[in-house]
């Protein structure tokens, strides 16, 4: 799993975690939050061996996560990419293509 947030939260300068245990340690504090995490789904894209989830996260950050799947459709790799444009926190406009 790779994410800019891994650098911030886990102190891992590469931004990459490997293995279920490392990824579990990354997610456990977030899934126990009260109130719980809340994401605004923008769109989901399906590929041959991947799924891309486009959403707004905490602080209105726009994120795209690419999940790579194996032959049994299990996630074997995840990569989060953050939006870097000036419209980062702008509300969604359904009239905009």
PDB file of N, CA and C in Angstrom:
ATOM      1  N   UNK A   1       0.853  -1.166   0.000  1.00  0.00           N
ATOM      2  CA  UNK A   1       0.000   0.000   0.000  1.00  0.00           C
ATOM      3  C   UNK A   1       0.895   1.224   0.000  1.00  0.00           C
ATOM      4  N   UNK A   2       0.529   2.207  -0.807  1.00  0.00           N
ATOM      5  CA  UNK A   2       1.285   3.452  -0.826  1.00  0.00           C
ATOM      6  C   UNK A   2       0.327   4.630  -0.714  1.00  0.00           C
ATOM      7  N   UNK A   3       0.753   5.639   0.048  1.00  0.00           N
ATOM      8  CA  UNK A   3      -0.068   6.824   0.252  1.00  0.00           C
ATOM      9  C   UNK A   3       0.792   7.935   0.846  1.00  0.00           C
ATOM     10  N   UNK A   4       0.532   9.170   0.440  1.00  0.00           N
ATOM     11  CA  UNK A   4       1.225  10.274   1.097  1.00  0.00           C
ATOM     12  C   UNK A   4       0.934  10.318   2.603  1.00  0.00           C
ATOM     13  N   UNK A   5      -0.233   9.835   3.021  1.00  0.00           N
ATOM     14  CA  UNK A   5      -0.603   9.848   4.428  1.00  0.00           C
ATOM     15  C   UNK A   5       0.239   8.872   5.254  1.00  0.00           C
ATOM     16  N   UNK A   6       0.783   7.850   4.629  1.00  0.00           N
ATOM     17  CA  UNK A   6       1.651   6.902   5.335  1.00  0.00           C
ATOM     18  C   UNK A   6       2.899   7.624   5.836  1.00  0.00           C
ATOM     19  N   UNK A   7       3.408   8.550   5.051  1.00  0.00           N
ATOM     20  CA  UNK A   7       4.577   9.334   5.476  1.00  0.00           C
ATOM     21  C   UNK A   7       4.233  10.104   6.745  1.00  0.00           C
ATOM     22  N   UNK A   8       3.082  10.759   6.719  1.00  0.00           N
ATOM     23  CA  UNK A   8       2.650  11.600   7.847  1.00  0.00           C
ATOM     24  C   UNK A   8       2.296  10.790   9.084  1.00  0.00           C
ATOM     25  N   UNK A   9       1.479   9.764   8.929  1.00  0.00           N
ATOM     26  CA  UNK A   9       0.955   9.030  10.091  1.00  0.00           C
ATOM     27  C   UNK A   9       1.880   7.941  10.615  1.00  0.00           C
ATOM     28  N   UNK A  10       2.620   7.311   9.721  1.00  0.00           N
ATOM     29  CA  UNK A  10       3.446   6.175  10.138  1.00  0.00           C
ATOM     30  C   UNK A  10       4.928   6.533  10.234  1.00  0.00           C
ATOM     31  N   UNK A  11       5.298   7.720   9.760  1.00  0.00           N
ATOM     32  CA  UNK A  11       6.704   8.110   9.789  1.00  0.00           C
ATOM     33  C   UNK A  11       7.557   7.292   8.831  1.00  0.00           C
ATOM     34  N   UNK A  12       6.927   6.720   7.826  1.00  0.00           N
ATOM     35  CA  UNK A  12       7.632   5.901   6.826  1.00  0.00           C
ATOM     36  C   UNK A  12       7.961   6.805   5.642  1.00  0.00           C
ATOM     37  N   UNK A  13       9.230   7.199   5.478  1.00  0.00           N
ATOM     38  CA  UNK A  13       9.584   8.171   4.436  1.00  0.00           C
ATOM     39  C   UNK A  13       9.287   7.727   3.011  1.00  0.00           C
ATOM     40  N   UNK A  14       9.218   6.424   2.765  1.00  0.00           N
ATOM     41  CA  UNK A  14       8.927   5.951   1.410  1.00  0.00           C
ATOM     42  C   UNK A  14       7.441   6.090   1.079  1.00  0.00           C
ATOM     43  N   UNK A  15       6.591   6.196   2.106  1.00  0.00           N
ATOM     44  CA  UNK A  15       5.146   6.246   1.885  1.00  0.00           C
ATOM     45  C   UNK A  15       4.559   4.897   1.512  1.00  0.00           C
ATOM     46  N   UNK A  16       5.309   3.823   1.723  1.00  0.00           N
ATOM     47  CA  UNK A  16       4.889   2.476   1.322  1.00  0.00           C
ATOM     48  C   UNK A  16       4.885   1.548   2.533  1.00  0.00           C
ATOM     49  N   UNK A  17       3.807   0.761   2.653  1.00  0.00           N
ATOM     50  CA  UNK A  17       3.723  -0.299   3.655  1.00  0.00           C
ATOM     51  C   UNK A  17       3.578  -1.626   2.931  1.00  0.00           C
ATOM     52  N   UNK A  18       4.212  -2.648   3.479  1.00  0.00           N
ATOM     53  CA  UNK A  18       4.121  -3.982   2.877  1.00  0.00           C
ATOM     54  C   UNK A  18       3.637  -4.978   3.925  1.00  0.00           C
ATOM     55  N   UNK A  19       2.693  -5.800   3.537  1.00  0.00           N
ATOM     56  CA  UNK A  19       2.189  -6.844   4.417  1.00  0.00           C
ATOM     57  C   UNK A  19       0.954  -6.432   5.182  1.00  0.00           C
ATOM     58  N   UNK A  20       0.126  -7.433   5.472  1.00  0.00           N
ATOM     59  CA  UNK A  20      -1.146  -7.188   6.145  1.00  0.00           C
ATOM     60  C   UNK A  20      -0.968  -6.568   7.528  1.00  0.00           C
ATOM     61  N   UNK A  21       0.041  -7.014   8.281  1.00  0.00           N
ATOM     62  CA  UNK A  21       0.230  -6.487   9.631  1.00  0.00           C
ATOM     63  C   UNK A  21       0.547  -4.995   9.611  1.00  0.00           C
ATOM     64  N   UNK A  22       1.410  -4.579   8.713  1.00  0.00           N
ATOM     65  CA  UNK A  22       1.764  -3.159   8.612  1.00  0.00           C
ATOM     66  C   UNK A  22       0.562  -2.328   8.187  1.00  0.00           C
ATOM     67  N   UNK A  23      -0.204  -2.829   7.241  1.00  0.00           N
ATOM     68  CA  UNK A  23      -1.383  -2.104   6.765  1.00  0.00           C
ATOM     69  C   UNK A  23      -2.453  -2.065   7.863  1.00  0.00           C
ATOM     70  N   UNK A  24      -2.583  -3.143   8.622  1.00  0.00           N
ATOM     71  CA  UNK A  24      -3.546  -3.172   9.735  1.00  0.00           C
ATOM     72  C   UNK A  24      -3.177  -2.102  10.768  1.00  0.00           C
ATOM     73  N   UNK A  25      -1.892  -1.978  11.118  1.00  0.00           N
ATOM     74  CA  UNK A  25      -1.456  -0.963  12.089  1.00  0.00           C
ATOM     75  C   UNK A  25      -1.754   0.445  11.579  1.00  0.00           C
ATOM     76  N   UNK A  26      -1.716   0.634  10.279  1.00  0.00           N
ATOM     77  CA  UNK A  26      -2.023   1.937   9.675  1.00  0.00           C
ATOM     78  C   UNK A  26      -3.513   2.264   9.793  1.00  0.00           C
ATOM     79  N   UNK A  27      -4.373   1.287   9.501  1.00  0.00           N
ATOM     80  CA  UNK A  27      -5.824   1.533   9.457  1.00  0.00           C
ATOM     81  C   UNK A  27      -6.515   1.449  10.810  1.00  0.00           C
ATOM     82  N   UNK A  28      -6.016   0.633  11.746  1.00  0.00           N
ATOM     83  CA  UNK A  28      -6.719   0.399  13.012  1.00  0.00           C
ATOM     84  C   UNK A  28      -7.136   1.682  13.742  1.00  0.00           C
ATOM     85  N   UNK A  29      -6.262   2.655  13.952  1.00  0.00           N
ATOM     86  CA  UNK A  29      -6.703   3.861  14.671  1.00  0.00           C
ATOM     87  C   UNK A  29      -7.825   4.603  13.943  1.00  0.00           C
ATOM     88  N   UNK A  30      -7.810   4.603  12.626  1.00  0.00           N
ATOM     89  CA  UNK A  30      -8.818   5.333  11.851  1.00  0.00           C
ATOM     90  C   UNK A  30     -10.184   4.680  11.910  1.00  0.00           C
ATOM     91  N   UNK A  31     -10.233   3.361  11.872  1.00  0.00           N
ATOM     92  CA  UNK A  31     -11.543   2.693  11.874  1.00  0.00           C
ATOM     93  C   UNK A  31     -12.179   2.679  13.257  1.00  0.00           C
ATOM     94  N   UNK A  32     -11.433   3.049  14.284  1.00  0.00           N
ATOM     95  CA  UNK A  32     -11.981   3.099  15.648  1.00  0.00           C
ATOM     96  C   UNK A  32     -12.402   4.504  16.063  1.00  0.00           C
ATOM     97  N   UNK A  33     -12.298   5.467  15.167  1.00  0.00           N
ATOM     98  CA  UNK A  33     -12.645   6.846  15.501  1.00  0.00           C
ATOM     99  C   UNK A  33     -14.130   7.006  15.803  1.00  0.00           C
ATOM    100  N   UNK A  34     -14.422   7.906  16.726  1.00  0.00           N
ATOM    101  CA  UNK A  34     -15.798   8.280  17.035  1.00  0.00           C
ATOM    102  C   UNK A  34     -15.850   9.801  16.951  1.00  0.00           C
ATOM    103  N   UNK A  35     -16.635  10.382  16.042  1.00  0.00           N
ATOM    104  CA  UNK A  35     -17.458   9.698  15.050  1.00  0.00           C
ATOM    105  C   UNK A  35     -16.589   8.987  14.020  1.00  0.00           C
ATOM    106  N   UNK A  36     -17.178   8.017  13.328  1.00  0.00           N
ATOM    107  CA  UNK A  36     -16.403   7.226  12.363  1.00  0.00           C
ATOM    108  C   UNK A  36     -15.956   8.054  11.157  1.00  0.00           C
ATOM    109  N   UNK A  37     -14.976   7.511  10.466  1.00  0.00           N
ATOM    110  CA  UNK A  37     -14.525   8.133   9.218  1.00  0.00           C
ATOM    111  C   UNK A  37     -15.700   8.296   8.271  1.00  0.00           C
ATOM    112  N   UNK A  38     -15.670   9.346   7.498  1.00  0.00           N
ATOM    113  CA  UNK A  38     -16.734   9.589   6.542  1.00  0.00           C
ATOM    114  C   UNK A  38     -16.113  10.022   5.220  1.00  0.00           C
ATOM    115  N   UNK A  39     -16.462   9.334   4.155  1.00  0.00           N
ATOM    116  CA  UNK A  39     -15.956   9.643   2.828  1.00  0.00           C
ATOM    117  C   UNK A  39     -17.127   9.966   1.906  1.00  0.00           C
ATOM    118  N   UNK A  40     -16.913  10.888   0.996  1.00  0.00           N
ATOM    119  CA  UNK A  40     -17.930  11.225  -0.002  1.00  0.00           C
ATOM    120  C   UNK A  40     -17.512  10.590  -1.324  1.00  0.00           C
ATOM    121  N   UNK A  41     -18.239   9.578  -1.742  1.00  0.00           N
ATOM    122  CA  UNK A  41     -17.929   8.894  -2.986  1.00  0.00           C
ATOM    123  C   UNK A  41     -18.246   9.792  -4.177  1.00  0.00           C
ATOM    124  N   UNK A  42     -17.284   9.941  -5.062  1.00  0.00           N
ATOM    125  CA  UNK A  42     -17.488  10.712  -6.286  1.00  0.00           C
ATOM    126  C   UNK A  42     -17.763   9.770  -7.451  1.00  0.00           C
ATOM    127  N   UNK A  43     -16.918   8.746  -7.611  1.00  0.00           N
ATOM    128  CA  UNK A  43     -17.102   7.805  -8.726  1.00  0.00           C
ATOM    129  C   UNK A  43     -16.248   6.566  -8.485  1.00  0.00           C
ATOM    130  N   UNK A  44     -16.647   5.475  -9.116  1.00  0.00           N
ATOM    131  CA  UNK A  44     -15.875   4.235  -9.108  1.00  0.00           C
ATOM    132  C   UNK A  44     -15.636   3.846 -10.554  1.00  0.00           C
ATOM    133  N   UNK A  45     -14.403   3.436 -10.864  1.00  0.00           N
ATOM    134  CA  UNK A  45     -14.029   3.048 -12.218  1.00  0.00           C
ATOM    135  C   UNK A  45     -13.526   1.610 -12.180  1.00  0.00           C
ATOM    136  N   UNK A  46     -13.957   0.795 -13.136  1.00  0.00           N
ATOM    137  CA  UNK A  46     -13.556  -0.612 -13.191  1.00  0.00           C
ATOM    138  C   UNK A  46     -12.640  -0.842 -14.378  1.00  0.00           C
ATOM    139  N   UNK A  47     -11.558  -1.556 -14.138  1.00  0.00           N
ATOM    140  CA  UNK A  47     -10.632  -1.941 -15.198  1.00  0.00           C
ATOM    141  C   UNK A  47     -10.578  -3.451 -15.304  1.00  0.00           C
ATOM    142  N   UNK A  48      -9.588  -3.966 -16.008  1.00  0.00           N
ATOM    143  CA  UNK A  48      -9.436  -5.414 -16.171  1.00  0.00           C
ATOM    144  C   UNK A  48      -8.966  -6.055 -14.866  1.00  0.00           C
ATOM    145  N   UNK A  49      -7.929  -5.494 -14.258  1.00  0.00           N
ATOM    146  CA  UNK A  49      -7.388  -6.050 -13.021  1.00  0.00           C
ATOM    147  C   UNK A  49      -7.264  -4.989 -11.930  1.00  0.00           C
ATOM    148  N   UNK A  50      -8.122  -3.972 -11.998  1.00  0.00           N
ATOM    149  CA  UNK A  50      -8.075  -2.923 -10.983  1.00  0.00           C
ATOM    150  C   UNK A  50      -9.419  -2.228 -10.838  1.00  0.00           C
ATOM    151  N   UNK A  51      -9.558  -1.561  -9.718  1.00  0.00           N
ATOM    152  CA  UNK A  51     -10.703  -0.701  -9.428  1.00  0.00           C
ATOM    153  C   UNK A  51     -10.131   0.625  -8.948  1.00  0.00           C
ATOM    154  N   UNK A  52     -10.721   1.722  -9.402  1.00  0.00           N
ATOM    155  CA  UNK A  52     -10.298   3.040  -8.965  1.00  0.00           C
ATOM    156  C   UNK A  52     -11.470   3.692  -8.234  1.00  0.00           C
ATOM    157  N   UNK A  53     -11.205   4.171  -7.028  1.00  0.00           N
ATOM    158  CA  UNK A  53     -12.230   4.821  -6.221  1.00  0.00           C
ATOM    159  C   UNK A  53     -11.853   6.289  -6.079  1.00  0.00           C
ATOM    160  N   UNK A  54     -12.745   7.163  -6.509  1.00  0.00           N
ATOM    161  CA  UNK A  54     -12.544   8.616  -6.504  1.00  0.00           C
ATOM    162  C   UNK A  54     -13.453   9.181  -5.422  1.00  0.00           C
ATOM    163  N   UNK A  55     -12.885   9.872  -4.425  1.00  0.00           N
ATOM    164  CA  UNK A  55     -13.691  10.331  -3.298  1.00  0.00           C
ATOM    165  C   UNK A  55     -13.100  11.563  -2.640  1.00  0.00           C
ATOM    166  N   UNK A  56     -13.887  12.167  -1.755  1.00  0.00           N
ATOM    167  CA  UNK A  56     -13.408  13.224  -0.873  1.00  0.00           C
ATOM    168  C   UNK A  56     -13.269  12.599   0.510  1.00  0.00           C
ATOM    169  N   UNK A  57     -12.157  12.908   1.162  1.00  0.00           N
ATOM    170  CA  UNK A  57     -11.916  12.343   2.481  1.00  0.00           C
ATOM    171  C   UNK A  57     -11.989  13.437   3.536  1.00  0.00           C
ATOM    172  N   UNK A  58     -11.470  13.135   4.698  1.00  0.00           N
ATOM    173  CA  UNK A  58     -11.435  14.076   5.809  1.00  0.00           C
ATOM    174  C   UNK A  58     -10.772  15.371   5.354  1.00  0.00           C
ATOM    175  N   UNK A  59     -11.348  16.487   5.741  1.00  0.00           N
ATOM    176  CA  UNK A  59     -10.804  17.775   5.338  1.00  0.00           C
ATOM    177  C   UNK A  59     -11.107  18.121   3.894  1.00  0.00           C
ATOM    178  N   UNK A  60     -12.019  17.361   3.263  1.00  0.00           N
ATOM    179  CA  UNK A  60     -12.444  17.597   1.880  1.00  0.00           C
ATOM    180  C   UNK A  60     -11.342  17.331   0.862  1.00  0.00           C
ATOM    181  N   UNK A  61     -10.309  16.613   1.229  1.00  0.00           N
ATOM    182  CA  UNK A  61      -9.232  16.272   0.301  1.00  0.00           C
ATOM    183  C   UNK A  61      -9.762  15.342  -0.778  1.00  0.00           C
ATOM    184  N   UNK A  62      -9.473  15.655  -2.041  1.00  0.00           N
ATOM    185  CA  UNK A  62      -9.881  14.800  -3.159  1.00  0.00           C
ATOM    186  C   UNK A  62      -8.806  13.733  -3.354  1.00  0.00           C
ATOM    187  N   UNK A  63      -9.257  12.482  -3.389  1.00  0.00           N
ATOM    188  CA  UNK A  63      -8.344  11.341  -3.450  1.00  0.00           C
ATOM    189  C   UNK A  63      -8.812  10.364  -4.519  1.00  0.00           C
ATOM    190  N   UNK A  64      -7.861   9.705  -5.156  1.00  0.00           N
ATOM    191  CA  UNK A  64      -8.134   8.573  -6.035  1.00  0.00           C
ATOM    192  C   UNK A  64      -7.310   7.413  -5.500  1.00  0.00           C
ATOM    193  N   UNK A  65      -7.964   6.280  -5.261  1.00  0.00           N
ATOM    194  CA  UNK A  65      -7.249   5.082  -4.832  1.00  0.00           C
ATOM    195  C   UNK A  65      -7.343   4.037  -5.929  1.00  0.00           C
ATOM    196  N   UNK A  66      -6.206   3.498  -6.300  1.00  0.00           N
ATOM    197  CA  UNK A  66      -6.126   2.454  -7.311  1.00  0.00           C
ATOM    198  C   UNK A  66      -5.871   1.142  -6.589  1.00  0.00           C
ATOM    199  N   UNK A  67      -6.806   0.201  -6.727  1.00  0.00           N
ATOM    200  CA  UNK A  67      -6.683  -1.111  -6.100  1.00  0.00           C
ATOM    201  C   UNK A  67      -6.433  -2.147  -7.188  1.00  0.00           C
ATOM    202  N   UNK A  68      -5.284  -2.788  -7.130  1.00  0.00           N
ATOM    203  CA  UNK A  68      -4.928  -3.818  -8.102  1.00  0.00           C
ATOM    204  C   UNK A  68      -5.369  -5.172  -7.566  1.00  0.00           C
ATOM    205  N   UNK A  69      -5.992  -5.972  -8.436  1.00  0.00           N
ATOM    206  CA  UNK A  69      -6.575  -7.257  -8.043  1.00  0.00           C
ATOM    207  C   UNK A  69      -5.797  -8.428  -8.619  1.00  0.00           C
ATOM    208  N   UNK A  70      -5.811  -9.557  -7.883  1.00  0.00           N
ATOM    209  CA  UNK A  70      -5.206 -10.778  -8.418  1.00  0.00           C
ATOM    210  C   UNK A  70      -6.273 -11.579  -9.171  1.00  0.00           C
ATOM    211  N   UNK A  71      -5.936 -12.801  -9.581  1.00  0.00           N
ATOM    212  CA  UNK A  71      -6.866 -13.630 -10.358  1.00  0.00           C
ATOM    213  C   UNK A  71      -8.129 -14.008  -9.588  1.00  0.00           C
ATOM    214  N   UNK A  72      -8.059 -14.003  -8.248  1.00  0.00           N
ATOM    215  CA  UNK A  72      -9.228 -14.303  -7.422  1.00  0.00           C
ATOM    216  C   UNK A  72      -9.962 -13.027  -7.005  1.00  0.00           C
ATOM    217  N   UNK A  73      -9.591 -11.909  -7.622  1.00  0.00           N
ATOM    218  CA  UNK A  73     -10.193 -10.584  -7.363  1.00  0.00           C
ATOM    219  C   UNK A  73      -9.963 -10.092  -5.943  1.00  0.00           C
ATOM    220  N   UNK A  74      -8.827 -10.492  -5.364  1.00  0.00           N
ATOM    221  CA  UNK A  74      -8.416  -9.969  -4.063  1.00  0.00           C
ATOM    222  C   UNK A  74      -7.475  -8.796  -4.302  1.00  0.00           C
ATOM    223  N   UNK A  75      -7.547  -7.796  -3.438  1.00  0.00           N
ATOM    224  CA  UNK A  75      -6.658  -6.644  -3.565  1.00  0.00           C
ATOM    225  C   UNK A  75      -5.255  -7.067  -3.185  1.00  0.00           C
ATOM    226  N   UNK A  76      -4.313  -6.841  -4.097  1.00  0.00           N
ATOM    227  CA  UNK A  76      -2.913  -7.173  -3.825  1.00  0.00           C
ATOM    228  C   UNK A  76      -2.027  -5.930  -3.745  1.00  0.00           C
ATOM    229  N   UNK A  77      -2.586  -4.783  -4.135  1.00  0.00           N
ATOM    230  CA  UNK A  77      -1.841  -3.533  -4.060  1.00  0.00           C
ATOM    231  C   UNK A  77      -2.832  -2.378  -4.043  1.00  0.00           C
ATOM    232  N   UNK A  78      -2.532  -1.390  -3.243  1.00  0.00           N
ATOM    233  CA  UNK A  78      -3.354  -0.189  -3.197  1.00  0.00           C
ATOM    234  C   UNK A  78      -2.463   1.035  -3.250  1.00  0.00           C
ATOM    235  N   UNK A  79      -2.876   2.018  -4.009  1.00  0.00           N
ATOM    236  CA  UNK A  79      -2.108   3.262  -4.107  1.00  0.00           C
ATOM    237  C   UNK A  79      -3.072   4.437  -4.049  1.00  0.00           C
ATOM    238  N   UNK A  80      -2.839   5.337  -3.086  1.00  0.00           N
ATOM    239  CA  UNK A  80      -3.664   6.538  -2.956  1.00  0.00           C
ATOM    240  C   UNK A  80      -2.931   7.703  -3.614  1.00  0.00           C
ATOM    241  N   UNK A  81      -3.671   8.504  -4.360  1.00  0.00           N
ATOM    242  CA  UNK A  81      -3.124   9.690  -5.020  1.00  0.00           C
ATOM    243  C   UNK A  81      -3.980  10.881  -4.624  1.00  0.00           C
ATOM    244  N   UNK A  82      -3.348  11.954  -4.175  1.00  0.00           N
ATOM    245  CA  UNK A  82      -4.064  13.139  -3.724  1.00  0.00           C
ATOM    246  C   UNK A  82      -4.131  14.181  -4.814  1.00  0.00           C
ATOM    247  N   UNK A  83      -5.240  14.889  -4.883  1.00  0.00           N
ATOM    248  CA  UNK A  83      -5.405  16.004  -5.805  1.00  0.00           C
ATOM    249  C   UNK A  83      -4.497  17.152  -5.363  1.00  0.00           C
ATOM    250  N   UNK A  84      -3.873  17.812  -6.308  1.00  0.00           N
ATOM    251  CA  UNK A  84      -2.968  18.911  -5.980  1.00  0.00           C
ATOM    252  C   UNK A  84      -3.403  20.238  -6.581  1.00  0.00           C
ATOM    253  N   UNK A  85      -4.625  20.301  -7.145  1.00  0.00           N
ATOM    254  CA  UNK A  85      -5.074  21.532  -7.799  1.00  0.00           C
ATOM    255  C   UNK A  85      -5.706  22.495  -6.813  1.00  0.00           C
ATOM    256  N   UNK A  86      -5.928  23.722  -7.258  1.00  0.00           N
ATOM    257  CA  UNK A  86      -6.503  24.769  -6.420  1.00  0.00           C
ATOM    258  C   UNK A  86      -7.951  24.483  -6.055  1.00  0.00           C
ATOM    259  N   UNK A  87      -8.638  23.605  -6.776  1.00  0.00           N
ATOM    260  CA  UNK A  87     -10.047  23.303  -6.498  1.00  0.00           C
ATOM    261  C   UNK A  87     -10.191  22.210  -5.447  1.00  0.00           C
ATOM    262  N   UNK A  88      -9.119  21.885  -4.773  1.00  0.00           N
ATOM    263  CA  UNK A  88      -9.073  20.794  -3.806  1.00  0.00           C
ATOM    264  C   UNK A  88     -10.297  20.730  -2.891  1.00  0.00           C
ATOM    265  N   UNK A  89     -10.688  21.812  -2.260  1.00  0.00           N
ATOM    266  CA  UNK A  89     -11.780  21.762  -1.299  1.00  0.00           C
ATOM    267  C   UNK A  89     -13.102  22.260  -1.842  1.00  0.00           C
ATOM    268  N   UNK A  90     -13.170  22.531  -3.138  1.00  0.00           N
ATOM    269  CA  UNK A  90     -14.393  23.079  -3.722  1.00  0.00           C
ATOM    270  C   UNK A  90     -15.511  22.042  -3.691  1.00  0.00           C
ATOM    271  N   UNK A  91     -16.742  22.488  -3.468  1.00  0.00           N
ATOM    272  CA  UNK A  91     -17.860  21.547  -3.489  1.00  0.00           C
ATOM    273  C   UNK A  91     -18.065  20.976  -4.887  1.00  0.00           C
ATOM    274  N   UNK A  92     -18.621  19.803  -4.937  1.00  0.00           N
ATOM    275  CA  UNK A  92     -18.879  19.164  -6.215  1.00  0.00           C
ATOM    276  C   UNK A  92     -20.004  19.894  -6.939  1.00  0.00           C
ATOM    277  N   UNK A  93     -19.838  20.090  -8.227  1.00  0.00           N
ATOM    278  CA  UNK A  93     -20.872  20.717  -9.048  1.00  0.00           C
ATOM    279  C   UNK A  93     -21.335  19.677 -10.054  1.00  0.00           C
ATOM    280  N   UNK A  94     -22.546  19.119  -9.864  1.00  0.00           N
ATOM    281  CA  UNK A  94     -23.021  18.064 -10.761  1.00  0.00           C
ATOM    282  C   UNK A  94     -23.187  18.544 -12.203  1.00  0.00           C
ATOM    283  N   UNK A  95     -23.246  19.838 -12.429  1.00  0.00           N
ATOM    284  CA  UNK A  95     -23.412  20.363 -13.803  1.00  0.00           C
ATOM    285  C   UNK A  95     -22.076  20.415 -14.539  1.00  0.00           C
ATOM    286  N   UNK A  96     -20.960  20.243 -13.808  1.00  0.00           N
ATOM    287  CA  UNK A  96     -19.640  20.293 -14.434  1.00  0.00           C
ATOM    288  C   UNK A  96     -19.276  18.914 -14.949  1.00  0.00           C
ATOM    289  N   UNK A  97     -18.886  18.809 -16.234  1.00  0.00           N
ATOM    290  CA  UNK A  97     -18.535  17.486 -16.779  1.00  0.00           C
ATOM    291  C   UNK A  97     -17.271  16.940 -16.149  1.00  0.00           C
TER     292      UNK A  97
END
